[in-house]
C-alpha atoms as a PDB file:
ATOM      1  CA  MET A   1      44.524 175.676  24.972  1.00  0.00           C
ATOM      2  CA  SER A   2      47.255 175.475  27.796  1.00  0.00           C
ATOM      3  CA  TYR A   3      47.396 174.611  31.407  1.00  0.00           C
ATOM      4  CA  SER A   4      49.492 175.916  34.243  1.00  0.00           C
ATOM      5  CA  ALA A   5      50.673 172.574  36.695  1.00  0.00           C
ATOM      6  CA  GLN A   6      48.591 174.048  39.174  1.00  0.00           C
ATOM      7  CA  GLU A   7      45.543 173.823  37.144  1.00  0.00           C
ATOM      8  CA  VAL A   8      46.073 170.244  36.108  1.00  0.00           C
ATOM      9  CA  ALA A   9      46.439 169.351  40.045  1.00  0.00           C
ATOM     10  CA  ARG A  10      43.130 170.809  40.193  1.00  0.00           C
ATOM     11  CA  LEU A  11      41.482 169.378  37.153  1.00  0.00           C
ATOM     12  CA  SER A  12      42.848 165.469  37.554  1.00  0.00           C
ATOM     13  CA  ASP A  13      42.195 165.953  41.677  1.00  0.00           C
ATOM     14  CA  THR A  14      45.872 165.138  42.298  1.00  0.00           C
ATOM     15  CA  ASN A  15      47.754 167.304  44.702  1.00  0.00           C
ATOM     16  CA  TYR A  16      50.108 169.400  43.365  1.00  0.00           C
ATOM     17  CA  ARG A  17      53.352 167.975  44.986  1.00  0.00           C
ATOM     18  CA  THR A  18      52.450 164.634  43.626  1.00  0.00           C
ATOM     19  CA  LEU A  19      51.880 165.917  40.353  1.00  0.00           C
ATOM     20  CA  MET A  20      55.573 166.953  39.869  1.00  0.00           C
ATOM     21  CA  ARG A  21      56.915 164.057  41.045  1.00  0.00           C
ATOM     22  CA  TRP A  22      55.209 162.234  38.883  1.00  0.00           C
ATOM     23  CA  VAL A  23      56.903 164.418  36.147  1.00  0.00           C
ATOM     24  CA  ASN A  24      59.890 164.289  37.778  1.00  0.00           C
ATOM     25  CA  GLU A  25      59.588 160.316  37.728  1.00  0.00           C
ATOM     26  CA  GLY A  26      59.069 160.096  33.875  1.00  0.00           C
ATOM     27  CA  LEU A  27      55.955 159.058  34.697  1.00  0.00           C
ATOM     28  CA  LEU A  28      54.041 162.219  32.885  1.00  0.00           C
ATOM     29  CA  ARG A  29      56.267 163.938  30.137  1.00  0.00           C
ATOM     30  CA  PRO A  30      54.067 166.962  29.867  1.00  0.00           C
ATOM     31  CA  GLU A  31      54.749 168.827  25.970  1.00  0.00           C
ATOM     32  CA  GLY A  32      56.171 172.187  28.011  1.00  0.00           C
ATOM     33  CA  ALA A  33      58.505 170.296  30.561  1.00  0.00           C
ATOM     34  CA  ASN A  34      61.410 172.265  31.155  1.00  0.00           C
ATOM     35  CA  ARG A  35      64.879 169.863  30.705  1.00  0.00           C
ATOM     36  CA  GLY A  36      66.499 170.848  34.211  1.00  0.00           C
ATOM     37  CA  TYR A  37      64.380 169.384  37.528  1.00  0.00           C
ATOM     38  CA  GLY A  38      61.336 168.678  35.243  1.00  0.00           C
ATOM     39  CA  TRP A  39      58.924 171.297  36.547  1.00  0.00           C
ATOM     40  CA  ALA A  40      56.592 171.912  33.560  1.00  0.00           C
ATOM     41  CA  THR A  41      55.858 175.446  32.332  1.00  0.00           C
ATOM     42  CA  THR A  42      52.414 174.486  30.007  1.00  0.00           C
ATOM     43  CA  TRP A  43      50.266 171.384  29.860  1.00  0.00           C
ATOM     44  CA  GLU A  44      48.276 170.800  26.712  1.00  0.00           C
ATOM     45  CA  ALA A  45      44.400 168.855  27.150  1.00  0.00           C
ATOM     46  CA  LYS A  46      46.525 165.567  26.576  1.00  0.00           C
ATOM     47  CA  ASP A  47      48.699 166.315  29.389  1.00  0.00           C
ATOM     48  CA  VAL A  48      45.453 166.769  31.779  1.00  0.00           C
ATOM     49  CA  ARG A  49      43.915 163.643  30.219  1.00  0.00           C
ATOM     50  CA  GLU A  50      46.884 161.514  31.035  1.00  0.00           C
ATOM     51  CA  ALA A  51      47.136 163.272  34.858  1.00  0.00           C
ATOM     52  CA  SER A  52      43.677 162.394  35.165  1.00  0.00           C
ATOM     53  CA  ILE A  53      43.753 158.958  34.414  1.00  0.00           C
ATOM     54  CA  LEU A  54      47.383 158.303  36.468  1.00  0.00           C
ATOM     55  CA  SER A  55      45.345 159.577  39.166  1.00  0.00           C
ATOM     56  CA  ALA A  56      42.082 157.855  38.925  1.00  0.00           C
ATOM     57  CA  LEU A  57      44.357 154.710  38.532  1.00  0.00           C
ATOM     58  CA  ARG A  58      45.827 155.354  41.842  1.00  0.00           C
ATOM     59  CA  ARG A  59      42.593 156.021  43.691  1.00  0.00           C
ATOM     60  CA  ALA A  60      41.684 152.594  42.269  1.00  0.00           C
ATOM     61  CA  GLY A  61      44.052 150.898  44.446  1.00  0.00           C
ATOM     62  CA  PHE A  62      47.005 150.328  41.768  1.00  0.00           C
ATOM     63  CA  SER A  63      50.624 151.233  42.846  1.00  0.00           C
ATOM     64  CA  LEU A  64      53.159 153.653  41.089  1.00  0.00           C
ATOM     65  CA  GLN A  65      55.441 150.759  40.689  1.00  0.00           C
ATOM     66  CA  ARG A  66      52.710 148.245  38.577  1.00  0.00           C
ATOM     67  CA  LEU A  67      51.373 151.508  36.765  1.00  0.00           C
ATOM     68  CA  ARG A  68      54.957 152.998  35.830  1.00  0.00           C
ATOM     69  CA  GLU A  69      55.789 149.037  34.398  1.00  0.00           C
ATOM     70  CA  ALA A  70      52.379 149.797  32.208  1.00  0.00           C
ATOM     71  CA  ILE A  71      53.691 153.234  31.305  1.00  0.00           C
ATOM     72  CA  GLU A  72      56.657 151.902  29.974  1.00  0.00           C
ATOM     73  CA  TYR A  73      55.448 149.320  28.300  1.00  0.00           C
ATOM     74  CA  LEU A  74      53.199 151.095  26.575  1.00  0.00           C
ATOM     75  CA  ARG A  75      55.534 153.398  25.617  1.00  0.00           C
ATOM     76  CA  SER A  76      58.007 150.605  24.102  1.00  0.00           C
ATOM     77  CA  LEU A  77      54.954 149.258  21.692  1.00  0.00           C
ATOM     78  CA  GLY A  78      55.063 153.357  20.566  1.00  0.00           C
ATOM     79  CA  HIS A  79      51.880 154.011  22.435  1.00  0.00           C
ATOM     80  CA  ASN A  80      51.113 157.684  24.038  1.00  0.00           C
ATOM     81  CA  PRO A  81      50.593 155.669  27.548  1.00  0.00           C
ATOM     82  CA  LEU A  82      47.389 157.776  28.665  1.00  0.00           C
ATOM     83  CA  SER A  83      46.267 159.873  26.380  1.00  0.00           C
ATOM     84  CA  THR A  84      44.704 157.756  23.745  1.00  0.00           C
ATOM     85  CA  GLY A  85      42.448 155.105  24.038  1.00  0.00           C
ATOM     86  CA  GLU A  86      39.840 154.259  26.958  1.00  0.00           C
ATOM     87  CA  PHE A  87      40.830 152.250  30.618  1.00  0.00           C
ATOM     88  CA  ILE A  88      38.747 149.821  32.419  1.00  0.00           C
ATOM     89  CA  VAL A  89      39.791 149.126  36.394  1.00  0.00           C
ATOM     90  CA  VAL A  90      39.147 144.630  36.899  1.00  0.00           C
ATOM     91  CA  LYS A  91      38.842 144.373  40.389  1.00  0.00           C
ATOM     92  CA  ARG A  92      39.075 141.136  42.381  1.00  0.00           C
ATOM     93  CA  GLY A  93      36.266 139.829  44.271  1.00  0.00           C
ATOM     94  CA  ASP A  94      37.780 141.100  47.275  1.00  0.00           C
ATOM     95  CA  GLY A  95      37.429 144.847  45.531  1.00  0.00           C
ATOM     96  CA  ALA A  96      41.486 144.621  45.730  1.00  0.00           C
ATOM     97  CA  PRO A  97      42.654 145.792  42.071  1.00  0.00           C
ATOM     98  CA  LYS A  98      44.067 143.334  39.606  1.00  0.00           C
ATOM     99  CA  ASP A  99      44.314 144.995  35.972  1.00  0.00           C
ATOM    100  CA  VAL A 100      43.752 147.405  33.979  1.00  0.00           C
ATOM    101  CA  ILE A 101      42.539 146.846  30.123  1.00  0.00           C
ATOM    102  CA  LYS A 102      43.372 149.392  27.653  1.00  0.00           C
ATOM    103  CA  LEU A 103      40.999 149.479  25.039  1.00  0.00           C
ATOM    104  CA  CYS A 104      42.794 151.145  21.808  1.00  0.00           C
ATOM    105  CA  ASP A 105      41.338 153.328  19.278  1.00  0.00           C
ATOM    106  CA  THR A 106      42.480 150.849  16.758  1.00  0.00           C
ATOM    107  CA  GLY A 107      39.635 148.614  18.461  1.00  0.00           C
ATOM    108  CA  GLU A 108      41.584 145.872  20.304  1.00  0.00           C
ATOM    109  CA  ALA A 109      42.154 145.660  24.317  1.00  0.00           C
ATOM    110  CA  MET A 110      45.210 144.684  25.849  1.00  0.00           C
ATOM    111  CA  ALA A 111      45.928 143.646  29.857  1.00  0.00           C
ATOM    112  CA  LEU A 112      48.559 146.196  31.084  1.00  0.00           C
ATOM    113  CA  LEU A 113      49.588 144.830  34.495  1.00  0.00           C
ATOM    114  CA  LYS A 114      48.446 140.470  35.001  1.00  0.00           C
ATOM    115  CA  ASP A 115      49.719 139.035  31.823  1.00  0.00           C
ATOM    116  CA  ARG A 116      51.066 142.441  29.941  1.00  0.00           C
ATOM    117  CA  GLY A 117      50.331 142.841  26.214  1.00  0.00           C
ATOM    118  CA  GLN A 118      48.104 139.747  26.217  1.00  0.00           C
ATOM    119  CA  LEU A 119      45.050 140.922  23.692  1.00  0.00           C
ATOM    120  CA  VAL A 120      42.174 140.320  25.658  1.00  0.00           C
ATOM    121  CA  PHE A 121      39.531 140.376  22.789  1.00  0.00           C
ATOM    122  CA  PRO A 122      39.141 142.433  19.471  1.00  0.00           C
ATOM    123  CA  ILE A 123      36.266 145.150  19.658  1.00  0.00           C
ATOM    124  CA  TRP A 124      34.273 145.617  16.276  1.00  0.00           C
ATOM    125  CA  VAL A 125      32.080 148.711  16.200  1.00  0.00           C
ATOM    126  CA  ALA A 126      29.561 148.533  13.445  1.00  0.00           C
ATOM    127  CA  GLU A 127      29.474 152.322  11.869  1.00  0.00           C
END
């Protein structure tokens, strides 16, 4: 199923202009993005998920700069940064954001901001 940028903005609880700025800055790379100014023509379900996670992390208090660093780091490892795995926000005692932990599909958990790339703990799931 394909979505328009307006639908993605609504589904991810993000302002349309903010969403398009994230595309232009390379934080999001929807499959159907035009090469010119970066306005997406179509978005797939994985793109909606990425926009929703980025929006949630921004609402949790993380700066775009810190999230950009985490996304670039994940891309350098060959990960599709936000469309796979689960994410846990770690906050300090005063409620300020401290780190994001990505629970990878491989069963590993890695810190994305504080000690980037550090394996936090392996997870084994009995089937």
